[in-house]
């Protein structure tokens, strides 16, 4: 049984700190986001991470969505395919592609063209804090294996 939470647009904007106009503008460039419009639109946790990474690129680094929209589109699809986002993951975005890499990878071997790197752990911690209304909990220790659902 695959249980995955889905969030409304209002919840997605609230926890990521992205305004309605920004998401509306991004939808013009990112087809993945264009499919998530209207009152019935729902966002997965991976989508929230993708929105927060996009916000870091546009607000934090000052990169125009029109310059990295193909890489951002690729990132949303990569995150949608993930069942677990590993601790230490880094989003590596180029103008035409993206990768979700582990911190243990040697970055120099991965790309020979300019890229933006966005660490995922601070984004997940920020989302976690906002979901818990600022309640600070000790971080969960990393499991030595991947969690797997079992049925009885």
N, C-alpha and C. Protein backbone atom coordinates (compact mmCIF):
# COMPACT_ATOMS: atom_id res chain seq x y z
N UNK A 1 0.85 -1.18 0.00
CA UNK A 1 0.00 0.00 0.00
C UNK A 1 0.88 1.24 0.00
N UNK A 2 0.75 2.07 -1.02
CA UNK A 2 1.57 3.26 -1.17
C UNK A 2 0.79 4.46 -0.65
N UNK A 3 1.20 4.99 0.50
CA UNK A 3 0.54 6.15 1.09
C UNK A 3 1.45 7.35 0.86
N UNK A 4 0.92 8.34 0.16
CA UNK A 4 1.70 9.54 -0.08
C UNK A 4 0.81 10.74 0.16
N UNK A 5 1.31 11.67 0.93
CA UNK A 5 0.54 12.87 1.23
C UNK A 5 0.53 13.78 0.01
N UNK A 6 -0.56 14.47 -0.17
CA UNK A 6 -0.70 15.45 -1.24
C UNK A 6 -1.09 16.78 -0.60
N UNK A 7 -0.53 17.84 -1.12
CA UNK A 7 -0.73 19.17 -0.55
C UNK A 7 -1.42 20.07 -1.57
N UNK A 8 -2.28 20.96 -1.06
CA UNK A 8 -2.97 21.92 -1.92
C UNK A 8 -1.99 23.00 -2.35
N UNK A 9 -2.41 23.80 -3.31
CA UNK A 9 -1.57 24.92 -3.76
C UNK A 9 -1.28 25.88 -2.61
N UNK A 10 -2.30 26.16 -1.81
CA UNK A 10 -2.11 27.07 -0.68
C UNK A 10 -1.09 26.52 0.31
N UNK A 11 -1.19 25.22 0.61
CA UNK A 11 -0.22 24.59 1.52
C UNK A 11 1.18 24.62 0.91
N UNK A 12 1.28 24.33 -0.38
CA UNK A 12 2.58 24.34 -1.05
C UNK A 12 3.22 25.73 -1.01
N UNK A 13 2.43 26.75 -1.29
CA UNK A 13 2.96 28.11 -1.24
C UNK A 13 3.35 28.50 0.17
N UNK A 14 2.54 28.10 1.14
CA UNK A 14 2.79 28.47 2.53
C UNK A 14 4.10 27.88 3.05
N UNK A 15 4.32 26.58 2.84
CA UNK A 15 5.52 25.95 3.41
C UNK A 15 6.79 26.26 2.62
N UNK A 16 6.65 26.59 1.32
CA UNK A 16 7.84 26.92 0.54
C UNK A 16 8.14 28.41 0.51
N UNK A 17 7.16 29.22 0.93
CA UNK A 17 7.37 30.67 0.94
C UNK A 17 7.34 31.30 -0.44
N UNK A 18 6.67 30.65 -1.38
CA UNK A 18 6.61 31.14 -2.75
C UNK A 18 5.26 31.80 -2.98
N UNK A 19 5.28 32.97 -3.57
CA UNK A 19 4.04 33.69 -3.84
C UNK A 19 3.27 33.11 -5.02
N UNK A 20 2.00 33.42 -5.06
CA UNK A 20 1.12 32.94 -6.12
C UNK A 20 1.60 33.42 -7.49
N UNK A 21 2.05 34.66 -7.56
CA UNK A 21 2.52 35.20 -8.84
C UNK A 21 3.76 34.49 -9.34
N UNK A 22 4.65 34.13 -8.43
CA UNK A 22 5.87 33.41 -8.85
C UNK A 22 5.52 32.06 -9.44
N UNK A 23 4.65 31.30 -8.77
CA UNK A 23 4.27 29.99 -9.31
C UNK A 23 3.54 30.17 -10.64
N UNK A 24 2.70 31.15 -10.73
CA UNK A 24 1.99 31.42 -11.99
C UNK A 24 2.99 31.71 -13.11
N UNK A 25 4.01 32.48 -12.82
CA UNK A 25 5.05 32.79 -13.81
C UNK A 25 5.84 31.54 -14.18
N UNK A 26 6.21 30.73 -13.20
CA UNK A 26 6.97 29.51 -13.46
C UNK A 26 6.19 28.54 -14.34
N UNK A 27 4.87 28.52 -14.19
CA UNK A 27 4.04 27.60 -15.00
C UNK A 27 4.17 27.89 -16.50
N UNK A 28 4.49 29.10 -16.85
CA UNK A 28 4.66 29.45 -18.26
C UNK A 28 5.88 28.76 -18.86
N UNK A 29 6.86 28.43 -18.03
CA UNK A 29 8.12 27.86 -18.51
C UNK A 29 8.28 26.38 -18.16
N UNK A 30 7.62 25.92 -17.12
CA UNK A 30 7.83 24.55 -16.63
C UNK A 30 6.53 23.76 -16.82
N UNK A 31 6.47 22.92 -17.86
CA UNK A 31 5.24 22.16 -18.13
C UNK A 31 4.77 21.30 -16.96
N UNK A 32 5.70 20.76 -16.19
CA UNK A 32 5.31 19.95 -15.03
C UNK A 32 4.43 20.76 -14.08
N UNK A 33 4.79 22.02 -13.85
CA UNK A 33 3.99 22.87 -12.97
C UNK A 33 2.69 23.31 -13.63
N UNK A 34 2.70 23.43 -14.95
CA UNK A 34 1.49 23.84 -15.67
C UNK A 34 0.38 22.80 -15.49
N UNK A 35 0.75 21.53 -15.27
CA UNK A 35 -0.26 20.50 -15.05
C UNK A 35 -0.86 20.57 -13.66
N UNK A 36 -0.26 21.37 -12.78
CA UNK A 36 -0.73 21.48 -11.40
C UNK A 36 -1.33 22.86 -11.18
N UNK A 37 -2.43 23.10 -11.83
CA UNK A 37 -3.12 24.37 -11.66
C UNK A 37 -4.59 24.11 -11.33
N UNK A 38 -5.25 25.11 -10.84
CA UNK A 38 -6.65 24.97 -10.46
C UNK A 38 -6.81 24.51 -9.02
N UNK A 39 -8.02 24.53 -8.56
CA UNK A 39 -8.29 24.17 -7.16
C UNK A 39 -8.04 22.71 -6.84
N UNK A 40 -8.12 21.85 -7.83
CA UNK A 40 -7.93 20.41 -7.61
C UNK A 40 -6.46 20.00 -7.63
N UNK A 41 -5.56 20.92 -7.95
CA UNK A 41 -4.13 20.58 -8.05
C UNK A 41 -3.59 20.13 -6.70
N UNK A 42 -2.77 19.10 -6.73
CA UNK A 42 -2.14 18.57 -5.52
C UNK A 42 -0.66 18.38 -5.77
N UNK A 43 0.13 18.65 -4.73
CA UNK A 43 1.58 18.57 -4.81
C UNK A 43 2.08 17.48 -3.87
N UNK A 44 3.05 16.71 -4.33
CA UNK A 44 3.69 15.70 -3.49
C UNK A 44 4.81 16.37 -2.70
N UNK A 45 5.40 15.63 -1.77
CA UNK A 45 6.53 16.17 -1.03
C UNK A 45 7.70 16.47 -1.97
N UNK A 46 7.92 15.60 -2.95
CA UNK A 46 8.97 15.85 -3.95
C UNK A 46 8.72 17.14 -4.71
N UNK A 47 7.45 17.43 -5.00
CA UNK A 47 7.09 18.68 -5.67
C UNK A 47 7.45 19.88 -4.80
N UNK A 48 7.19 19.75 -3.49
CA UNK A 48 7.53 20.83 -2.57
C UNK A 48 9.03 21.08 -2.56
N UNK A 49 9.81 20.00 -2.56
CA UNK A 49 11.27 20.14 -2.62
C UNK A 49 11.67 20.82 -3.93
N UNK A 50 11.06 20.41 -5.03
CA UNK A 50 11.35 21.03 -6.32
C UNK A 50 11.01 22.51 -6.34
N UNK A 51 9.88 22.88 -5.75
CA UNK A 51 9.51 24.29 -5.66
C UNK A 51 10.53 25.07 -4.83
N UNK A 52 10.95 24.49 -3.72
CA UNK A 52 11.92 25.17 -2.85
C UNK A 52 13.27 25.31 -3.54
N UNK A 53 13.69 24.30 -4.29
CA UNK A 53 14.95 24.40 -5.05
C UNK A 53 14.83 25.49 -6.11
N UNK A 54 13.69 25.53 -6.79
CA UNK A 54 13.47 26.56 -7.81
C UNK A 54 13.51 27.94 -7.19
N UNK A 55 12.94 28.06 -6.00
CA UNK A 55 12.97 29.35 -5.29
C UNK A 55 14.42 29.74 -4.96
N UNK A 56 15.22 28.76 -4.53
CA UNK A 56 16.64 29.05 -4.25
C UNK A 56 17.36 29.54 -5.50
N UNK A 57 17.06 28.93 -6.62
CA UNK A 57 17.70 29.34 -7.88
C UNK A 57 17.30 30.74 -8.28
N UNK A 58 15.99 31.02 -8.21
CA UNK A 58 15.51 32.31 -8.70
C UNK A 58 15.72 33.44 -7.70
N UNK A 59 15.37 33.19 -6.44
CA UNK A 59 15.51 34.24 -5.43
C UNK A 59 16.92 34.28 -4.84
N UNK A 60 17.43 33.11 -4.46
CA UNK A 60 18.73 33.06 -3.80
C UNK A 60 19.90 33.35 -4.72
N UNK A 61 19.86 32.78 -5.94
CA UNK A 61 20.98 32.97 -6.87
C UNK A 61 20.68 33.99 -7.96
N UNK A 62 19.43 34.43 -8.06
CA UNK A 62 19.07 35.44 -9.05
C UNK A 62 19.05 34.93 -10.48
N UNK A 63 18.85 33.64 -10.66
CA UNK A 63 18.81 33.06 -12.00
C UNK A 63 17.37 33.11 -12.50
N UNK A 64 17.18 33.57 -13.70
CA UNK A 64 15.85 33.66 -14.28
C UNK A 64 15.33 32.27 -14.63
N UNK A 65 14.05 32.04 -14.34
CA UNK A 65 13.44 30.75 -14.66
C UNK A 65 13.55 30.47 -16.16
N UNK A 66 13.55 31.51 -16.98
CA UNK A 66 13.65 31.31 -18.43
C UNK A 66 15.02 30.75 -18.83
N UNK A 67 16.03 30.91 -17.98
CA UNK A 67 17.36 30.39 -18.27
C UNK A 67 17.55 28.94 -17.86
N UNK A 68 16.80 28.49 -16.85
CA UNK A 68 17.01 27.13 -16.33
C UNK A 68 15.75 26.28 -16.36
N UNK A 69 14.74 26.71 -17.11
CA UNK A 69 13.46 26.00 -17.08
C UNK A 69 13.56 24.54 -17.51
N UNK A 70 14.44 24.21 -18.45
CA UNK A 70 14.56 22.81 -18.88
C UNK A 70 15.16 21.98 -17.75
N UNK A 71 16.18 22.50 -17.08
CA UNK A 71 16.77 21.82 -15.94
C UNK A 71 15.79 21.68 -14.79
N UNK A 72 14.99 22.71 -14.54
CA UNK A 72 13.99 22.66 -13.48
C UNK A 72 12.92 21.62 -13.81
N UNK A 73 12.49 21.58 -15.06
CA UNK A 73 11.52 20.56 -15.49
C UNK A 73 12.09 19.16 -15.24
N UNK A 74 13.34 18.97 -15.60
CA UNK A 74 14.00 17.68 -15.37
C UNK A 74 14.06 17.35 -13.89
N UNK A 75 14.34 18.35 -13.05
CA UNK A 75 14.40 18.12 -11.61
C UNK A 75 13.05 17.67 -11.05
N UNK A 76 11.97 18.29 -11.48
CA UNK A 76 10.64 17.89 -10.99
C UNK A 76 10.36 16.43 -11.34
N UNK A 77 10.72 16.02 -12.55
CA UNK A 77 10.50 14.63 -12.95
C UNK A 77 11.39 13.68 -12.15
N UNK A 78 12.62 14.09 -11.89
CA UNK A 78 13.54 13.28 -11.09
C UNK A 78 13.00 13.11 -9.68
N UNK A 79 12.54 14.20 -9.07
CA UNK A 79 12.00 14.13 -7.71
C UNK A 79 10.71 13.32 -7.66
N UNK A 80 9.89 13.41 -8.70
CA UNK A 80 8.64 12.65 -8.74
C UNK A 80 8.90 11.14 -8.78
N UNK A 81 10.04 10.75 -9.35
CA UNK A 81 10.38 9.33 -9.46
C UNK A 81 11.03 8.78 -8.18
N UNK A 82 11.39 9.65 -7.25
CA UNK A 82 12.06 9.23 -6.02
C UNK A 82 11.04 8.76 -4.99
N UNK A 83 11.30 7.62 -4.37
CA UNK A 83 10.47 7.21 -3.25
C UNK A 83 11.07 7.72 -1.94
N UNK A 84 12.38 7.90 -1.93
CA UNK A 84 13.09 8.42 -0.76
C UNK A 84 14.14 9.39 -1.27
N UNK A 85 14.23 10.55 -0.61
CA UNK A 85 15.31 11.48 -0.92
C UNK A 85 16.39 11.26 0.13
N UNK A 86 17.52 10.76 -0.30
CA UNK A 86 18.59 10.40 0.64
C UNK A 86 19.19 11.63 1.32
N UNK A 87 19.52 11.51 2.60
CA UNK A 87 20.21 12.60 3.29
C UNK A 87 21.52 12.91 2.56
N UNK A 88 21.85 14.17 2.49
CA UNK A 88 23.08 14.59 1.82
C UNK A 88 22.92 14.79 0.33
N UNK A 89 21.69 14.64 -0.19
CA UNK A 89 21.47 14.81 -1.63
C UNK A 89 21.67 16.26 -2.03
N UNK A 90 22.12 16.42 -3.27
CA UNK A 90 22.35 17.74 -3.84
C UNK A 90 21.68 17.78 -5.21
N UNK A 91 20.93 18.85 -5.47
CA UNK A 91 20.36 19.05 -6.80
C UNK A 91 21.40 19.78 -7.63
N UNK A 92 21.80 19.17 -8.74
CA UNK A 92 22.74 19.77 -9.67
C UNK A 92 21.94 20.14 -10.91
N UNK A 93 21.81 21.44 -11.16
CA UNK A 93 20.99 21.91 -12.28
C UNK A 93 21.85 22.63 -13.30
N UNK A 94 21.63 22.24 -14.53
CA UNK A 94 22.25 22.93 -15.65
C UNK A 94 21.13 23.51 -16.48
N UNK A 95 21.47 24.27 -17.51
CA UNK A 95 20.40 24.91 -18.26
C UNK A 95 19.53 23.92 -19.03
N UNK A 96 20.02 22.71 -19.30
CA UNK A 96 19.24 21.74 -20.07
C UNK A 96 18.96 20.43 -19.35
N UNK A 97 19.46 20.25 -18.12
CA UNK A 97 19.26 18.98 -17.42
C UNK A 97 19.45 19.18 -15.92
N UNK A 98 19.19 18.11 -15.19
CA UNK A 98 19.42 18.14 -13.75
C UNK A 98 19.75 16.74 -13.27
N UNK A 99 20.38 16.67 -12.11
CA UNK A 99 20.69 15.40 -11.44
C UNK A 99 20.42 15.58 -9.96
N UNK A 100 20.04 14.51 -9.32
CA UNK A 100 19.96 14.48 -7.86
C UNK A 100 21.08 13.54 -7.44
N UNK A 101 22.11 14.11 -6.82
CA UNK A 101 23.29 13.32 -6.53
C UNK A 101 23.51 13.22 -5.02
N UNK A 102 24.25 12.22 -4.63
CA UNK A 102 24.62 12.07 -3.23
C UNK A 102 25.85 12.90 -2.94
N UNK A 103 26.01 13.31 -1.70
CA UNK A 103 27.14 14.14 -1.32
C UNK A 103 28.47 13.44 -1.52
N UNK A 104 28.44 12.09 -1.58
CA UNK A 104 29.69 11.35 -1.72
C UNK A 104 30.26 11.39 -3.14
N UNK A 105 29.44 11.82 -4.12
CA UNK A 105 29.92 11.88 -5.50
C UNK A 105 30.96 12.96 -5.68
N UNK A 106 31.87 12.73 -6.59
CA UNK A 106 32.88 13.72 -6.92
C UNK A 106 32.27 14.64 -7.97
N UNK A 107 32.00 15.88 -7.60
CA UNK A 107 31.30 16.80 -8.49
C UNK A 107 32.07 17.08 -9.77
N UNK A 108 33.37 17.11 -9.71
CA UNK A 108 34.17 17.41 -10.89
C UNK A 108 33.97 16.40 -12.00
N UNK A 109 33.66 15.18 -11.65
CA UNK A 109 33.47 14.13 -12.65
C UNK A 109 32.08 14.17 -13.28
N UNK A 110 31.14 14.88 -12.67
CA UNK A 110 29.76 14.86 -13.12
C UNK A 110 29.46 15.85 -14.23
N UNK A 111 30.15 16.93 -14.26
CA UNK A 111 29.78 17.97 -15.22
C UNK A 111 31.01 18.70 -15.75
N UNK A 112 30.92 19.06 -16.98
CA UNK A 112 31.97 19.87 -17.60
C UNK A 112 31.41 21.21 -18.06
N UNK A 113 30.16 21.49 -17.70
CA UNK A 113 29.53 22.75 -18.05
C UNK A 113 29.06 23.43 -16.77
N UNK A 114 28.80 24.75 -16.81
CA UNK A 114 28.34 25.44 -15.61
C UNK A 114 27.08 24.81 -15.03
N UNK A 115 27.02 24.80 -13.71
CA UNK A 115 25.87 24.19 -13.03
C UNK A 115 25.64 24.91 -11.71
N UNK A 116 24.40 24.87 -11.25
CA UNK A 116 24.03 25.38 -9.93
C UNK A 116 23.84 24.17 -9.02
N UNK A 117 24.37 24.24 -7.82
CA UNK A 117 24.23 23.17 -6.84
C UNK A 117 23.37 23.68 -5.69
N UNK A 118 22.36 22.91 -5.34
CA UNK A 118 21.48 23.28 -4.23
C UNK A 118 21.40 22.10 -3.27
N UNK A 119 21.96 22.24 -2.06
CA UNK A 119 21.86 21.14 -1.08
C UNK A 119 20.40 20.94 -0.66
N UNK A 120 19.98 19.70 -0.56
CA UNK A 120 18.59 19.37 -0.27
C UNK A 120 18.30 19.32 1.23
N UNK A 121 19.26 18.91 2.04
CA UNK A 121 19.00 18.76 3.49
C UNK A 121 18.45 20.03 4.14
N UNK A 122 19.02 21.22 3.89
CA UNK A 122 18.44 22.43 4.51
C UNK A 122 17.01 22.70 4.04
N UNK A 123 16.71 22.35 2.81
CA UNK A 123 15.36 22.55 2.29
C UNK A 123 14.38 21.63 3.01
N UNK A 124 14.76 20.36 3.16
CA UNK A 124 13.88 19.41 3.86
C UNK A 124 13.71 19.81 5.32
N UNK A 125 14.77 20.26 5.96
CA UNK A 125 14.68 20.70 7.36
C UNK A 125 13.75 21.90 7.48
N UNK A 126 13.84 22.84 6.54
CA UNK A 126 12.97 24.01 6.55
C UNK A 126 11.51 23.60 6.36
N UNK A 127 11.24 22.69 5.42
CA UNK A 127 9.87 22.20 5.21
C UNK A 127 9.37 21.50 6.46
N UNK A 128 10.22 20.69 7.04
CA UNK A 128 9.84 19.95 8.26
C UNK A 128 9.46 20.91 9.39
N UNK A 129 10.25 21.95 9.57
CA UNK A 129 9.98 22.94 10.62
C UNK A 129 8.65 23.64 10.36
N UNK A 130 8.39 24.00 9.11
CA UNK A 130 7.13 24.68 8.79
C UNK A 130 5.93 23.76 8.96
N UNK A 131 6.08 22.49 8.61
CA UNK A 131 4.99 21.54 8.81
C UNK A 131 4.69 21.37 10.29
N UNK A 132 5.70 21.45 11.12
CA UNK A 132 5.52 21.27 12.55
C UNK A 132 5.30 22.59 13.28
N UNK A 133 5.00 23.65 12.53
CA UNK A 133 4.72 24.98 13.09
C UNK A 133 5.84 25.49 13.98
N UNK A 134 7.07 25.30 13.53
CA UNK A 134 8.21 25.83 14.26
C UNK A 134 8.68 24.96 15.40
N UNK A 135 8.01 23.87 15.68
CA UNK A 135 8.41 22.96 16.75
C UNK A 135 9.72 22.29 16.37
N UNK A 136 10.73 22.45 17.17
CA UNK A 136 12.04 21.86 16.90
C UNK A 136 12.13 20.49 17.52
N UNK A 137 12.33 19.49 16.70
CA UNK A 137 12.53 18.13 17.17
C UNK A 137 13.96 17.71 16.83
N UNK A 138 14.52 16.82 17.61
CA UNK A 138 15.86 16.35 17.25
C UNK A 138 15.80 15.64 15.91
N UNK A 139 16.84 15.78 15.08
CA UNK A 139 16.81 15.11 13.78
C UNK A 139 16.74 13.60 13.93
N UNK A 140 16.06 12.98 13.00
CA UNK A 140 15.96 11.53 13.01
C UNK A 140 17.28 10.95 12.52
N UNK A 141 17.74 9.91 13.20
CA UNK A 141 18.99 9.31 12.77
C UNK A 141 18.77 8.58 11.45
N UNK A 142 19.83 8.49 10.67
CA UNK A 142 19.77 7.85 9.38
C UNK A 142 19.71 6.34 9.57
N UNK A 143 18.79 5.70 8.88
CA UNK A 143 18.67 4.26 8.96
C UNK A 143 19.79 3.60 8.15
N UNK A 144 20.31 2.48 8.60
CA UNK A 144 21.37 1.81 7.85
C UNK A 144 20.84 1.08 6.62
N UNK A 145 19.53 1.16 6.38
CA UNK A 145 18.90 0.51 5.25
C UNK A 145 17.71 1.36 4.84
N UNK A 146 17.17 1.13 3.65
CA UNK A 146 16.02 1.89 3.20
C UNK A 146 14.76 1.34 3.85
N UNK A 147 13.90 2.23 4.29
CA UNK A 147 12.62 1.82 4.87
C UNK A 147 11.77 1.20 3.76
N UNK A 148 11.06 0.15 4.10
CA UNK A 148 10.23 -0.51 3.12
C UNK A 148 8.89 -0.87 3.77
N UNK A 149 7.80 -0.57 3.06
CA UNK A 149 6.49 -0.90 3.59
C UNK A 149 6.26 -2.40 3.52
N UNK A 150 5.65 -2.93 4.56
CA UNK A 150 5.31 -4.35 4.60
C UNK A 150 3.82 -4.47 4.84
N UNK A 151 3.22 -5.51 4.30
CA UNK A 151 1.81 -5.74 4.54
C UNK A 151 1.64 -6.97 5.40
N UNK A 152 0.54 -7.01 6.10
CA UNK A 152 0.30 -8.15 7.00
C UNK A 152 -0.76 -9.06 6.45
